[in-house]
Amino acid sequence: MNAEEIRTKTEDELKKLLLDLRKAQLNARFQKTQGTLENTAQVRVTRRAIARVKTELGARKGGEAAPKAKAPAKKAAKAPAKKTKAKKAA
């Protein structure tokens, strides 16, 4: 499933597709642990298809193609440590 096919679907179709892909992912994980999964690359393909669908749903909901990462917060400069007088030995 490529991005072109995903863009042409309605929101309800995308939600149904997302549900189907998650079920397929669950089944593939079970098969992988049991050792019966023949095509191990299918796990990765399914995971990426889920990401594409979720990205498209988010774009339609939020109005932008992909959520932007937050800029890292700048740390405030630390105040210099106070100097204390050394105690004299008695």
C-alpha atoms as a PDB file:
ATOM      1  CA  MET A   1       0.000   0.000   0.000  1.00  0.00           C
ATOM      2  CA  ASN A   2       1.614   3.234  -1.112  1.00  0.00           C
ATOM      3  CA  ALA A   3       0.851   6.820  -0.176  1.00  0.00           C
ATOM      4  CA  GLU A   4      -1.088   7.501  -3.396  1.00  0.00           C
ATOM      5  CA  GLU A   5      -3.578   4.738  -2.622  1.00  0.00           C
ATOM      6  CA  ILE A   6      -3.962   5.964   0.941  1.00  0.00           C
ATOM      7  CA  ARG A   7      -4.644   9.578  -0.092  1.00  0.00           C
ATOM      8  CA  THR A   8      -7.523   8.513  -2.350  1.00  0.00           C
ATOM      9  CA  LYS A   9      -9.425   6.760   0.457  1.00  0.00           C
ATOM     10  CA  THR A  10     -12.029   8.384   2.676  1.00  0.00           C
ATOM     11  CA  GLU A  11     -11.506   8.819   6.397  1.00  0.00           C
ATOM     12  CA  ASP A  12     -13.846   5.920   7.231  1.00  0.00           C
ATOM     13  CA  GLU A  13     -11.992   3.661   4.801  1.00  0.00           C
ATOM     14  CA  LEU A  14      -8.696   4.659   6.387  1.00  0.00           C
ATOM     15  CA  LYS A  15      -9.977   3.840   9.865  1.00  0.00           C
ATOM     16  CA  LYS A  16     -11.135   0.413   8.687  1.00  0.00           C
ATOM     17  CA  LEU A  17      -7.814  -0.135   6.923  1.00  0.00           C
ATOM     18  CA  LEU A  18      -5.940   0.827  10.088  1.00  0.00           C
ATOM     19  CA  LEU A  19      -7.954  -1.683  12.101  1.00  0.00           C
ATOM     20  CA  ASP A  20      -7.268  -4.420   9.516  1.00  0.00           C
ATOM     21  CA  LEU A  21      -3.557  -3.602   9.448  1.00  0.00           C
ATOM     22  CA  ARG A  22      -3.324  -3.759  13.234  1.00  0.00           C
ATOM     23  CA  LYS A  23      -5.001  -7.172  13.215  1.00  0.00           C
ATOM     24  CA  ALA A  24      -2.565  -8.339  10.539  1.00  0.00           C
ATOM     25  CA  GLN A  25       0.329  -7.019  12.605  1.00  0.00           C
ATOM     26  CA  LEU A  26      -0.892  -8.895  15.672  1.00  0.00           C
ATOM     27  CA  ASN A  27      -1.240 -12.140  13.707  1.00  0.00           C
ATOM     28  CA  ALA A  28       2.212 -11.698  12.177  1.00  0.00           C
ATOM     29  CA  ARG A  29       3.757 -11.168  15.611  1.00  0.00           C
ATOM     30  CA  PHE A  30       2.147 -14.353  16.907  1.00  0.00           C
ATOM     31  CA  GLN A  31       3.313 -16.308  13.874  1.00  0.00           C
ATOM     32  CA  LYS A  32       6.813 -14.915  14.264  1.00  0.00           C
ATOM     33  CA  THR A  33       7.067 -16.051  17.884  1.00  0.00           C
ATOM     34  CA  GLN A  34       5.717 -19.491  16.987  1.00  0.00           C
ATOM     35  CA  GLY A  35       8.125 -19.781  14.077  1.00  0.00           C
ATOM     36  CA  THR A  36       5.416 -20.224  11.450  1.00  0.00           C
ATOM     37  CA  LEU A  37       5.848 -16.847   9.730  1.00  0.00           C
ATOM     38  CA  GLU A  38       7.282 -17.481   6.274  1.00  0.00           C
ATOM     39  CA  ASN A  39       7.839 -13.871   5.202  1.00  0.00           C
ATOM     40  CA  THR A  40       9.473 -12.058   8.112  1.00  0.00           C
ATOM     41  CA  ALA A  41       9.661  -8.819   6.120  1.00  0.00           C
ATOM     42  CA  GLN A  42       5.870  -8.666   6.279  1.00  0.00           C
ATOM     43  CA  VAL A  43       6.091  -7.422   9.877  1.00  0.00           C
ATOM     44  CA  ARG A  44       8.052  -4.372   8.743  1.00  0.00           C
ATOM     45  CA  VAL A  45       5.822  -3.744   5.716  1.00  0.00           C
ATOM     46  CA  THR A  46       2.721  -3.844   7.905  1.00  0.00           C
ATOM     47  CA  ARG A  47       4.265  -1.526  10.493  1.00  0.00           C
ATOM     48  CA  ARG A  48       5.143   1.023   7.824  1.00  0.00           C
ATOM     49  CA  ALA A  49       1.682   0.812   6.256  1.00  0.00           C
ATOM     50  CA  ILE A  50       0.168   1.542   9.678  1.00  0.00           C
ATOM     51  CA  ALA A  51       2.442   4.573   9.975  1.00  0.00           C
ATOM     52  CA  ARG A  52       1.371   5.836   6.548  1.00  0.00           C
ATOM     53  CA  VAL A  53      -2.312   5.513   7.401  1.00  0.00           C
ATOM     54  CA  LYS A  54      -1.865   7.205  10.774  1.00  0.00           C
ATOM     55  CA  THR A  55       0.098  10.026   9.146  1.00  0.00           C
ATOM     56  CA  GLU A  56      -2.640  10.606   6.585  1.00  0.00           C
ATOM     57  CA  LEU A  57      -5.355  10.543   9.248  1.00  0.00           C
ATOM     58  CA  GLY A  58      -3.386  13.035  11.316  1.00  0.00           C
ATOM     59  CA  ALA A  59      -2.863  15.275   8.312  1.00  0.00           C
ATOM     60  CA  ARG A  60      -6.553  15.350   7.587  1.00  0.00           C
ATOM     61  CA  LYS A  61      -7.406  16.028  11.206  1.00  0.00           C
ATOM     62  CA  GLY A  62      -4.719  18.614  11.942  1.00  0.00           C
ATOM     63  CA  GLY A  63      -4.298  20.170   8.534  1.00  0.00           C
ATOM     64  CA  GLU A  64      -0.581  19.504   8.041  1.00  0.00           C
ATOM     65  CA  ALA A  65       1.229  16.598   6.427  1.00  0.00           C
ATOM     66  CA  ALA A  66       3.314  15.505   9.386  1.00  0.00           C
ATOM     67  CA  PRO A  67       3.577  16.709  12.950  1.00  0.00           C
ATOM     68  CA  LYS A  68       6.654  18.822  13.512  1.00  0.00           C
ATOM     69  CA  ALA A  69       9.012  17.980  16.317  1.00  0.00           C
ATOM     70  CA  LYS A  70       9.310  20.498  19.106  1.00  0.00           C
ATOM     71  CA  ALA A  71      12.452  22.583  19.178  1.00  0.00           C
ATOM     72  CA  PRO A  72      14.694  21.610  22.070  1.00  0.00           C
ATOM     73  CA  ALA A  73      14.256  23.914  25.026  1.00  0.00           C
ATOM     74  CA  LYS A  74      17.225  26.097  25.825  1.00  0.00           C
ATOM     75  CA  LYS A  75      18.702  25.575  29.239  1.00  0.00           C
ATOM     76  CA  ALA A  76      19.039  28.595  31.450  1.00  0.00           C
ATOM     77  CA  ALA A  77      22.594  29.571  32.283  1.00  0.00           C
ATOM     78  CA  LYS A  78      23.589  28.454  35.725  1.00  0.00           C
ATOM     79  CA  ALA A  79      24.555  31.068  38.247  1.00  0.00           C
ATOM     80  CA  PRO A  80      28.186  30.799  39.353  1.00  0.00           C
ATOM     81  CA  ALA A  81      28.679  28.768  42.501  1.00  0.00           C
ATOM     82  CA  LYS A  82      29.160  30.727  45.693  1.00  0.00           C
ATOM     83  CA  LYS A  83      32.626  30.632  47.096  1.00  0.00           C
ATOM     84  CA  THR A  84      32.829  29.662  50.727  1.00  0.00           C
ATOM     85  CA  LYS A  85      35.724  30.357  53.004  1.00  0.00           C
ATOM     86  CA  ALA A  86      37.693  27.361  54.059  1.00  0.00           C
ATOM     87  CA  LYS A  87      37.498  26.628  57.759  1.00  0.00           C
ATOM     88  CA  LYS A  88      40.716  26.852  59.636  1.00  0.00           C
ATOM     89  CA  ALA A  89      41.820  23.799  61.539  1.00  0.00           C
ATOM     90  CA  ALA A  90      41.867  24.449  65.288  1.00  0.00           C
END
